[in-house]
Amino acid sequence: MRHARIPPHVEHQDPLILRRLFVAIGWALVGAILWLSLTPQPPHVDFEQSDKVGHFIAYGGLMFWFCLLYRRTRTRLAYAAGFIAMGIAIEFLQRATGYRSFEVLDMVADAIGVLLGWAAALALPRLLK
């Protein structure tokens, strides 16, 4: 079996360029959450509490991603607070649209997702040992 070789132009990428790419991906995730939260007809998954599961996964994945990018606790705390505030603000914006609804449980699912995303990032190094 022949092993794939990493092309030289990829193998020796500038770490700063890759970091900027990963940060850009993180902000694209924020944009996707905003769009999905405010679009008149978001994709519908049909199982009980799928909306809450979606909030949990989206915010958990977002926090996990940013925890991989930023290791300082203070920075992670700022992102966690920001993402929780974003989830709360989105609910108020949804109420103002007239075509989406305001739900406190969505805010709770967002916050739980953020906290568990952070916890998963903390656990990752131990799991990879």
N, C-alpha and C. Protein backbone atom coordinates (compact mmCIF):
# COMPACT_ATOMS: atom_id res chain seq x y z
N MET A 1 0.83 -1.18 0.00
CA MET A 1 0.00 0.00 0.00
C MET A 1 0.88 1.25 0.00
N ARG A 2 0.58 2.14 -0.86
CA ARG A 2 1.35 3.37 -0.98
C ARG A 2 0.77 4.45 -0.08
N HIS A 3 1.61 5.13 0.66
CA HIS A 3 1.15 6.19 1.55
C HIS A 3 1.09 7.51 0.79
N ALA A 4 0.07 8.26 1.07
CA ALA A 4 -0.05 9.59 0.46
C ALA A 4 1.01 10.51 1.03
N ARG A 5 1.57 11.31 0.18
CA ARG A 5 2.58 12.27 0.63
C ARG A 5 1.95 13.64 0.70
N ILE A 6 2.36 14.38 1.69
CA ILE A 6 1.88 15.75 1.83
C ILE A 6 2.67 16.62 0.87
N PRO A 7 1.99 17.36 0.00
CA PRO A 7 2.72 18.24 -0.93
C PRO A 7 3.55 19.25 -0.16
N PRO A 8 4.75 19.57 -0.66
CA PRO A 8 5.63 20.50 0.06
C PRO A 8 4.99 21.85 0.35
N HIS A 9 4.14 22.34 -0.55
CA HIS A 9 3.52 23.65 -0.32
C HIS A 9 2.51 23.61 0.83
N VAL A 10 2.02 22.44 1.18
CA VAL A 10 1.10 22.31 2.32
C VAL A 10 1.87 21.98 3.59
N GLU A 11 2.87 21.14 3.46
CA GLU A 11 3.63 20.68 4.62
C GLU A 11 4.32 21.82 5.35
N HIS A 12 4.73 22.82 4.64
CA HIS A 12 5.51 23.90 5.25
C HIS A 12 4.73 25.21 5.31
N GLN A 13 3.43 25.12 5.53
CA GLN A 13 2.61 26.33 5.63
C GLN A 13 3.02 27.15 6.84
N ASP A 14 2.92 28.43 6.68
CA ASP A 14 3.17 29.36 7.78
C ASP A 14 2.09 29.15 8.84
N PRO A 15 2.48 28.84 10.09
CA PRO A 15 1.48 28.61 11.13
C PRO A 15 0.53 29.79 11.33
N LEU A 16 1.01 31.00 11.10
CA LEU A 16 0.16 32.17 11.26
C LEU A 16 -0.96 32.18 10.22
N ILE A 17 -0.65 31.76 9.00
CA ILE A 17 -1.67 31.69 7.95
C ILE A 17 -2.72 30.66 8.33
N LEU A 18 -2.28 29.49 8.80
CA LEU A 18 -3.23 28.46 9.21
C LEU A 18 -4.08 28.93 10.38
N ARG A 19 -3.47 29.60 11.32
CA ARG A 19 -4.22 30.11 12.47
C ARG A 19 -5.29 31.10 12.01
N ARG A 20 -4.91 31.99 11.11
CA ARG A 20 -5.89 32.96 10.59
C ARG A 20 -7.03 32.25 9.88
N LEU A 21 -6.71 31.19 9.16
CA LEU A 21 -7.75 30.41 8.49
C LEU A 21 -8.70 29.81 9.52
N PHE A 22 -8.16 29.22 10.59
CA PHE A 22 -9.00 28.60 11.61
C PHE A 22 -9.84 29.64 12.35
N VAL A 23 -9.28 30.81 12.59
CA VAL A 23 -10.06 31.90 13.21
C VAL A 23 -11.18 32.32 12.26
N ALA A 24 -10.88 32.43 10.97
CA ALA A 24 -11.90 32.80 9.99
C ALA A 24 -13.01 31.76 9.94
N ILE A 25 -12.65 30.49 10.04
CA ILE A 25 -13.66 29.43 10.07
C ILE A 25 -14.54 29.60 11.30
N GLY A 26 -13.94 29.92 12.44
CA GLY A 26 -14.72 30.15 13.66
C GLY A 26 -15.73 31.27 13.49
N TRP A 27 -15.30 32.37 12.89
CA TRP A 27 -16.23 33.49 12.68
C TRP A 27 -17.27 33.15 11.62
N ALA A 28 -16.93 32.29 10.67
CA ALA A 28 -17.93 31.82 9.71
C ALA A 28 -18.99 30.99 10.43
N LEU A 29 -18.58 30.22 11.44
CA LEU A 29 -19.55 29.46 12.25
C LEU A 29 -20.48 30.42 12.98
N VAL A 30 -19.94 31.50 13.52
CA VAL A 30 -20.78 32.51 14.18
C VAL A 30 -21.80 33.05 13.17
N GLY A 31 -21.33 33.38 11.97
CA GLY A 31 -22.23 33.88 10.93
C GLY A 31 -23.30 32.89 10.56
N ALA A 32 -22.93 31.61 10.48
CA ALA A 32 -23.91 30.58 10.15
C ALA A 32 -24.98 30.47 11.24
N ILE A 33 -24.56 30.55 12.50
CA ILE A 33 -25.53 30.49 13.60
C ILE A 33 -26.47 31.69 13.52
N LEU A 34 -25.92 32.87 13.26
CA LEU A 34 -26.77 34.07 13.14
C LEU A 34 -27.78 33.90 12.01
N TRP A 35 -27.30 33.45 10.86
CA TRP A 35 -28.20 33.29 9.71
C TRP A 35 -29.28 32.25 10.00
N LEU A 36 -28.86 31.08 10.50
CA LEU A 36 -29.84 30.03 10.79
C LEU A 36 -30.85 30.47 11.85
N SER A 37 -30.41 31.32 12.77
CA SER A 37 -31.29 31.77 13.84
C SER A 37 -32.28 32.83 13.39
N LEU A 38 -31.95 33.57 12.33
CA LEU A 38 -32.80 34.69 11.94
C LEU A 38 -33.47 34.52 10.58
N THR A 39 -33.14 33.47 9.86
CA THR A 39 -33.78 33.25 8.56
C THR A 39 -35.25 32.88 8.77
N PRO A 40 -36.13 33.31 7.85
CA PRO A 40 -37.55 33.01 8.03
C PRO A 40 -37.88 31.51 8.02
N GLN A 41 -37.14 30.73 7.23
CA GLN A 41 -37.43 29.30 7.13
C GLN A 41 -36.15 28.49 7.31
N PRO A 42 -35.75 28.27 8.57
CA PRO A 42 -34.54 27.47 8.80
C PRO A 42 -34.79 26.00 8.45
N PRO A 43 -33.74 25.25 8.21
CA PRO A 43 -33.91 23.81 7.96
C PRO A 43 -34.64 23.17 9.14
N HIS A 44 -35.54 22.25 8.82
CA HIS A 44 -36.33 21.61 9.87
C HIS A 44 -35.94 20.15 10.01
N VAL A 45 -35.62 19.76 11.23
CA VAL A 45 -35.34 18.36 11.56
C VAL A 45 -36.49 17.90 12.42
N ASP A 46 -37.06 16.75 12.07
CA ASP A 46 -38.31 16.35 12.71
C ASP A 46 -38.11 15.26 13.76
N PHE A 47 -37.71 15.66 14.97
CA PHE A 47 -37.79 14.80 16.13
C PHE A 47 -37.99 15.69 17.34
N GLU A 48 -38.52 15.11 18.40
CA GLU A 48 -38.87 15.91 19.57
C GLU A 48 -37.65 16.63 20.14
N GLN A 49 -37.82 17.90 20.40
CA GLN A 49 -36.78 18.78 20.96
C GLN A 49 -35.58 18.95 20.03
N SER A 50 -35.77 18.72 18.72
CA SER A 50 -34.66 18.88 17.78
C SER A 50 -34.12 20.31 17.81
N ASP A 51 -34.99 21.27 18.06
CA ASP A 51 -34.56 22.67 18.14
C ASP A 51 -33.56 22.85 19.27
N LYS A 52 -33.85 22.30 20.43
CA LYS A 52 -32.96 22.45 21.59
C LYS A 52 -31.64 21.71 21.35
N VAL A 53 -31.73 20.54 20.75
CA VAL A 53 -30.52 19.77 20.42
C VAL A 53 -29.65 20.56 19.43
N GLY A 54 -30.29 21.21 18.47
CA GLY A 54 -29.57 22.03 17.51
C GLY A 54 -28.85 23.19 18.18
N HIS A 55 -29.53 23.85 19.12
CA HIS A 55 -28.90 24.95 19.86
C HIS A 55 -27.70 24.43 20.65
N PHE A 56 -27.89 23.33 21.33
CA PHE A 56 -26.83 22.73 22.16
C PHE A 56 -25.61 22.38 21.30
N ILE A 57 -25.83 21.73 20.17
CA ILE A 57 -24.73 21.32 19.30
C ILE A 57 -24.03 22.53 18.68
N ALA A 58 -24.82 23.50 18.21
CA ALA A 58 -24.23 24.68 17.56
C ALA A 58 -23.35 25.46 18.53
N TYR A 59 -23.87 25.76 19.70
CA TYR A 59 -23.11 26.57 20.65
C TYR A 59 -21.99 25.76 21.31
N GLY A 60 -22.22 24.48 21.52
CA GLY A 60 -21.15 23.63 22.05
C GLY A 60 -20.00 23.51 21.07
N GLY A 61 -20.32 23.28 19.80
CA GLY A 61 -19.29 23.19 18.77
C GLY A 61 -18.54 24.49 18.60
N LEU A 62 -19.28 25.60 18.66
CA LEU A 62 -18.66 26.91 18.53
C LEU A 62 -17.66 27.16 19.66
N MET A 63 -18.08 26.90 20.89
CA MET A 63 -17.19 27.13 22.02
C MET A 63 -15.99 26.18 21.98
N PHE A 64 -16.23 24.93 21.61
CA PHE A 64 -15.15 23.95 21.49
C PHE A 64 -14.11 24.46 20.48
N TRP A 65 -14.58 24.93 19.33
CA TRP A 65 -13.69 25.43 18.28
C TRP A 65 -12.83 26.58 18.79
N PHE A 66 -13.47 27.56 19.45
CA PHE A 66 -12.72 28.71 19.93
C PHE A 66 -11.80 28.35 21.10
N CYS A 67 -12.17 27.34 21.88
CA CYS A 67 -11.27 26.88 22.95
C CYS A 67 -10.01 26.24 22.37
N LEU A 68 -10.13 25.61 21.21
CA LEU A 68 -8.95 25.05 20.56
C LEU A 68 -8.04 26.15 20.04
N LEU A 69 -8.62 27.29 19.70
CA LEU A 69 -7.85 28.41 19.18
C LEU A 69 -7.21 29.25 20.28
N TYR A 70 -7.89 29.36 21.41
CA TYR A 70 -7.42 30.23 22.49
C TYR A 70 -7.31 29.43 23.77
N ARG A 71 -6.14 29.39 24.36
CA ARG A 71 -5.89 28.55 25.53
C ARG A 71 -6.02 29.28 26.86
N ARG A 72 -5.89 30.60 26.86
CA ARG A 72 -5.96 31.35 28.11
C ARG A 72 -7.39 31.33 28.66
N THR A 73 -7.49 31.06 29.96
CA THR A 73 -8.79 30.98 30.61
C THR A 73 -9.56 32.28 30.47
N ARG A 74 -8.89 33.40 30.63
CA ARG A 74 -9.56 34.70 30.54
C ARG A 74 -10.15 34.91 29.14
N THR A 75 -9.43 34.51 28.12
CA THR A 75 -9.92 34.64 26.75
C THR A 75 -11.10 33.71 26.52
N ARG A 76 -11.00 32.49 27.01
CA ARG A 76 -12.11 31.54 26.87
C ARG A 76 -13.35 32.05 27.61
N LEU A 77 -13.15 32.62 28.77
CA LEU A 77 -14.27 33.17 29.54
C LEU A 77 -14.94 34.30 28.76
N ALA A 78 -14.16 35.13 28.12
CA ALA A 78 -14.72 36.23 27.32
C ALA A 78 -15.54 35.68 26.15
N TYR A 79 -15.02 34.65 25.48
CA TYR A 79 -15.78 34.04 24.38
C TYR A 79 -17.05 33.37 24.91
N ALA A 80 -16.95 32.67 26.01
CA ALA A 80 -18.13 32.01 26.58
C ALA A 80 -19.20 33.04 26.90
N ALA A 81 -18.82 34.12 27.56
CA ALA A 81 -19.79 35.18 27.88
C ALA A 81 -20.37 35.78 26.61
N GLY A 82 -19.52 36.00 25.63
CA GLY A 82 -19.98 36.57 24.37
C GLY A 82 -20.96 35.66 23.63
N PHE A 83 -20.67 34.36 23.61
CA PHE A 83 -21.56 33.43 22.92
C PHE A 83 -22.89 33.28 23.65
N ILE A 84 -22.85 33.28 24.98
CA ILE A 84 -24.10 33.21 25.74
C ILE A 84 -24.90 34.49 25.51
N ALA A 85 -24.24 35.64 25.53
CA ALA A 85 -24.92 36.91 25.25
C ALA A 85 -25.50 36.91 23.83
N MET A 86 -24.77 36.34 22.88
CA MET A 86 -25.26 36.26 21.51
C MET A 86 -26.54 35.43 21.45
N GLY A 87 -26.55 34.30 22.16
CA GLY A 87 -27.75 33.46 22.19
C GLY A 87 -28.95 34.19 22.76
N ILE A 88 -28.72 34.96 23.82
CA ILE A 88 -29.81 35.73 24.43
C ILE A 88 -30.29 36.82 23.46
N ALA A 89 -29.35 37.55 22.87
CA ALA A 89 -29.71 38.62 21.94
C ALA A 89 -30.48 38.08 20.74
N ILE A 90 -30.08 36.92 20.24
CA ILE A 90 -30.77 36.33 19.09
C ILE A 90 -32.23 36.05 19.43
N GLU A 91 -32.50 35.58 20.64
CA GLU A 91 -33.89 35.30 21.02
C GLU A 91 -34.73 36.58 20.98
N PHE A 92 -34.18 37.68 21.44
CA PHE A 92 -34.91 38.95 21.38
C PHE A 92 -35.09 39.41 19.94
N LEU A 93 -34.07 39.21 19.11
CA LEU A 93 -34.19 39.55 17.69
C LEU A 93 -35.24 38.67 17.01
N GLN A 94 -35.30 37.40 17.38
CA GLN A 94 -36.30 36.51 16.80
C GLN A 94 -37.71 36.99 17.14
N ARG A 95 -37.90 37.42 18.37
CA ARG A 95 -39.22 37.92 18.77
C ARG A 95 -39.58 39.15 17.94
N ALA A 96 -38.61 39.99 17.66
CA ALA A 96 -38.87 41.22 16.91
C ALA A 96 -39.18 40.96 15.43
N THR A 97 -38.77 39.80 14.90
CA THR A 97 -38.98 39.53 13.48
C THR A 97 -40.45 39.32 13.13
N GLY A 98 -41.22 38.77 14.04
CA GLY A 98 -42.61 38.45 13.73
C GLY A 98 -42.79 37.09 13.09
N TYR A 99 -41.72 36.48 12.60
CA TYR A 99 -41.82 35.15 12.00
C TYR A 99 -41.03 34.10 12.76
N ARG A 100 -40.33 34.50 13.81
CA ARG A 100 -39.62 33.56 14.68
C ARG A 100 -40.11 33.79 16.10
N SER A 101 -39.83 32.84 16.98
CA SER A 101 -40.37 32.96 18.34
C SER A 101 -39.25 33.10 19.38
N PHE A 102 -39.60 33.71 20.49
CA PHE A 102 -38.72 33.90 21.63
C PHE A 102 -38.90 32.71 22.56
N GLU A 103 -37.81 32.02 22.91
CA GLU A 103 -37.90 30.88 23.82
C GLU A 103 -36.75 30.91 24.82
N VAL A 104 -37.11 30.96 26.09
CA VAL A 104 -36.11 30.96 27.16
C VAL A 104 -35.31 29.67 27.12
N LEU A 105 -35.96 28.55 26.81
CA LEU A 105 -35.25 27.27 26.79
C LEU A 105 -34.18 27.22 25.70
N ASP A 106 -34.35 27.99 24.64
CA ASP A 106 -33.28 28.08 23.63
C ASP A 106 -32.04 28.73 24.24
N MET A 107 -32.25 29.76 25.05
CA MET A 107 -31.13 30.43 25.71
C MET A 107 -30.43 29.47 26.67
N VAL A 108 -31.21 28.66 27.37
CA VAL A 108 -30.65 27.68 28.30
C VAL A 108 -29.83 26.64 27.52
N ALA A 109 -30.38 26.16 26.39
CA ALA A 109 -29.66 25.18 25.57
C ALA A 109 -28.36 25.78 25.02
N ASP A 110 -28.40 27.05 24.63
CA ASP A 110 -27.19 27.72 24.15
C ASP A 110 -26.12 27.75 25.25
N ALA A 111 -26.53 28.18 26.44
CA ALA A 111 -25.58 28.31 27.56
C ALA A 111 -25.00 26.95 27.96
N ILE A 112 -25.85 25.94 28.02
CA ILE A 112 -25.37 24.59 28.36
C ILE A 112 -24.39 24.11 27.28
N GLY A 113 -24.71 24.38 26.02
CA GLY A 113 -23.80 24.01 24.94
C GLY A 113 -22.45 24.68 25.08
N VAL A 114 -22.45 25.98 25.40
CA VAL A 114 -21.19 26.71 25.58
C VAL A 114 -20.37 26.08 26.70
N LEU A 115 -21.01 25.82 27.83
CA LEU A 115 -20.28 25.26 28.98
C LEU A 115 -19.75 23.86 28.69
N LEU A 116 -20.56 23.04 28.04
CA LEU A 116 -20.09 21.68 27.74
C LEU A 116 -19.07 21.67 26.61
N GLY A 117 -19.15 22.62 25.69
CA GLY A 117 -18.11 22.75 24.66
C GLY A 117 -16.77 23.08 25.29
N TRP A 118 -16.79 23.96 26.28
CA TRP A 118 -15.57 24.33 27.01
C TRP A 118 -15.06 23.11 27.78
N ALA A 119 -15.96 22.40 28.44
CA ALA A 119 -15.57 21.21 29.20
C ALA A 119 -14.96 20.15 28.28
N ALA A 120 -15.53 19.99 27.09
CA ALA A 120 -14.98 19.01 26.14
C ALA A 120 -13.57 19.41 25.70
N ALA A 121 -13.35 20.70 25.50
CA ALA A 121 -12.01 21.17 25.13
C ALA A 121 -11.01 20.94 26.26
N LEU A 122 -11.46 21.10 27.50
CA LEU A 122 -10.57 20.84 28.64
C LEU A 122 -10.25 19.35 28.75
N ALA A 123 -11.21 18.50 28.41
CA ALA A 123 -11.02 17.05 28.52
C ALA A 123 -10.22 16.47 27.36
N LEU A 124 -10.19 17.16 26.24
CA LEU A 124 -9.55 16.62 25.04
C LEU A 124 -8.10 16.19 25.24
N PRO A 125 -7.23 17.00 25.86
CA PRO A 125 -5.84 16.55 26.02
C PRO A 125 -5.72 15.24 26.81
N ARG A 126 -6.57 15.07 27.82
CA ARG A 126 -6.53 13.82 28.61
C ARG A 126 -7.01 12.64 27.78
N LEU A 127 -7.98 12.88 26.92
CA LEU A 127 -8.50 11.80 26.08
C LEU A 127 -7.51 11.39 25.00
N LEU A 128 -6.67 12.31 24.58
CA LEU A 128 -5.71 12.02 23.51
C LEU A 128 -4.42 11.38 24.01
N LYS A 129 -4.26 11.28 25.32
CA LYS A 129 -3.04 10.67 25.88
C LYS A 129 -2.99 9.20 25.60
